[in-house]
Amino acid sequence: MIGKLNHVAIAVPDLDEAAALYRQTLGAQVSDPKPQPEHGVKVVFIELENTKIELLHPLGDKSPIAGFLEKNPTGGIHHVCYEVDDIHAAAAKMKLDGKKVLGDIKIGAHGKPVIFLHPKDFNGTLVELEQA
């Protein structure tokens, strides 16, 4: 069902500092920051040959990333994102298999439909599925 790894998301306490680290120290191609108010985050994308790194920073007081950073003040891996051919079929299968889908299908930072799956169902890792 899953396709390729789309991205690994890393929550960071300082988005500018983290973007500079990837740009200056690792020589990576780094996007401009993009606010995603519907998800409560501001994101920067690091483009790699075979995938992307998504740096996440809280946007607003109700951001889920703010809570993550309270528990992990230096930041850390927040989720992994895998591509699927059909997000609706994937969501239905997850529910049928007894996996907890967090919320409804939404449009993600890449402009495509996404769902999130509870970490308790996936070895402690928050999983995002994104329609390819």
Protein backbone atom coordinates (compact mmCIF):
# COMPACT_ATOMS: atom_id res chain seq x y z
CA MET A 1 0.00 0.00 0.00
CA ILE A 2 2.69 2.57 0.88
CA GLY A 3 4.95 3.99 -1.75
CA LYS A 4 8.13 5.93 -1.32
CA LEU A 5 9.21 7.96 1.68
CA ASN A 6 8.02 11.49 0.99
CA HIS A 7 9.69 13.28 3.90
CA VAL A 8 10.92 13.17 7.47
CA ALA A 9 9.62 16.03 9.60
CA ILE A 10 11.78 17.54 12.33
CA ALA A 11 10.34 19.95 14.91
CA VAL A 12 12.76 22.78 15.62
CA PRO A 13 12.76 25.53 18.28
CA ASP A 14 14.30 28.10 15.89
CA LEU A 15 13.34 27.76 12.21
CA ASP A 16 15.84 30.31 10.88
CA GLU A 17 18.71 28.74 12.80
CA ALA A 18 17.77 25.23 11.66
CA ALA A 19 17.41 26.31 8.01
CA ALA A 20 20.81 28.02 8.17
CA LEU A 21 22.37 24.86 9.59
CA TYR A 22 21.17 22.80 6.62
CA ARG A 23 21.98 25.54 4.09
CA GLN A 24 25.39 26.65 5.36
CA THR A 25 26.79 23.58 7.09
CA LEU A 26 25.39 20.83 4.87
CA GLY A 27 25.08 22.81 1.64
CA ALA A 28 21.44 21.85 1.18
CA GLN A 29 18.83 23.55 -0.98
CA VAL A 30 16.41 25.14 1.52
CA SER A 31 13.03 26.67 0.71
CA ASP A 32 11.67 29.91 2.11
CA PRO A 33 9.48 29.49 5.21
CA LYS A 34 5.84 28.68 4.42
CA PRO A 35 3.12 29.31 7.02
CA GLN A 36 0.53 26.53 7.26
CA PRO A 37 -2.09 28.07 9.59
CA GLU A 38 -4.54 25.18 9.11
CA HIS A 39 -1.91 22.88 10.67
CA GLY A 40 -0.51 25.38 13.18
CA VAL A 41 3.00 25.26 11.74
CA LYS A 42 5.51 27.15 9.67
CA VAL A 43 7.60 24.85 7.47
CA VAL A 44 10.83 24.88 5.52
CA PHE A 45 11.63 22.15 3.01
CA ILE A 46 15.10 20.73 2.50
CA GLU A 47 15.24 19.17 -0.96
CA LEU A 48 17.33 16.02 -1.20
CA GLU A 49 17.94 13.81 -4.21
CA ASN A 50 15.74 10.99 -2.91
CA THR A 51 13.37 12.68 -0.42
CA LYS A 52 12.76 15.83 1.62
CA ILE A 53 13.32 16.99 5.17
CA GLU A 54 10.52 19.16 6.54
CA LEU A 55 11.50 21.50 9.35
CA LEU A 56 8.49 22.38 11.52
CA HIS A 57 8.06 25.33 13.87
CA PRO A 58 4.95 26.30 15.86
CA LEU A 59 2.60 28.85 14.35
CA GLY A 60 0.24 30.16 17.01
CA ASP A 61 -0.52 29.11 20.57
CA LYS A 62 -2.55 26.03 19.62
CA SER A 63 0.14 24.47 17.44
CA PRO A 64 0.71 20.75 18.05
CA ILE A 65 4.40 21.43 17.50
CA ALA A 66 4.48 23.75 20.54
CA GLY A 67 3.48 20.83 22.75
CA PHE A 68 6.08 18.59 21.10
CA LEU A 69 8.80 21.20 21.73
CA GLU A 70 7.74 21.57 25.37
CA LYS A 71 8.54 17.87 25.81
CA ASN A 72 11.58 18.04 23.49
CA PRO A 73 13.01 21.56 23.85
CA THR A 74 15.93 20.99 21.45
CA GLY A 75 13.59 19.57 18.80
CA GLY A 76 13.55 16.16 17.18
CA ILE A 77 11.93 13.91 14.63
CA HIS A 78 8.19 14.58 14.67
CA HIS A 79 6.85 12.25 11.96
CA VAL A 80 7.60 10.32 8.79
CA CYS A 81 5.49 10.67 5.67
CA TYR A 82 4.84 7.90 3.15
CA GLU A 83 3.09 8.27 -0.18
CA VAL A 84 -0.06 6.31 -1.04
CA ASP A 85 -1.97 6.10 -4.31
CA ASP A 86 -5.41 6.66 -2.78
CA ILE A 87 -5.71 8.52 0.53
CA HIS A 88 -9.39 7.60 0.95
CA ALA A 89 -8.68 3.88 0.49
CA ALA A 90 -5.69 4.15 2.84
CA ALA A 91 -7.78 5.85 5.54
CA ALA A 92 -10.52 3.23 5.19
CA LYS A 93 -8.00 0.38 5.42
CA MET A 94 -6.36 1.86 8.52
CA LYS A 95 -9.74 2.14 10.24
CA LEU A 96 -10.73 -1.37 9.14
CA ASP A 97 -7.45 -2.69 10.55
CA GLY A 98 -8.18 -0.98 13.88
CA LYS A 99 -5.54 1.73 13.50
CA LYS A 100 -6.31 5.17 14.87
CA VAL A 101 -6.56 7.86 12.19
CA LEU A 102 -6.05 11.27 13.79
CA GLY A 103 -8.68 13.65 12.46
CA ASP A 104 -10.02 13.83 8.94
CA ILE A 105 -8.30 13.99 5.58
CA LYS A 106 -6.75 17.46 5.19
CA ILE A 107 -4.65 19.23 2.62
CA GLY A 108 -1.03 19.04 3.72
CA ALA A 109 1.95 21.36 3.30
CA HIS A 110 2.60 20.01 -0.21
CA GLY A 111 -0.95 20.80 -1.34
CA LYS A 112 -2.01 17.14 -1.35
CA PRO A 113 -4.49 15.22 0.86
CA VAL A 114 -2.97 13.72 4.02
CA ILE A 115 -3.92 11.78 7.13
CA PHE A 116 -1.98 11.10 10.32
CA LEU A 117 -1.83 7.76 12.13
CA HIS A 118 -1.42 7.45 15.89
CA PRO A 119 2.12 6.68 17.09
CA LYS A 120 0.90 3.91 19.41
CA ASP A 121 -0.12 1.92 16.32
CA PHE A 122 3.24 2.36 14.56
CA ASN A 123 6.02 1.58 17.04
CA GLY A 124 5.95 5.02 18.67
CA THR A 125 6.20 6.94 15.38
CA LEU A 126 3.63 9.45 14.15
CA VAL A 127 2.97 8.50 10.52
CA GLU A 128 1.61 10.79 7.83
CA LEU A 129 0.18 9.31 4.65
CA GLU A 130 0.08 11.63 1.64
CA GLN A 131 -1.65 11.01 -1.66
CA ALA A 132 0.99 10.73 -4.38
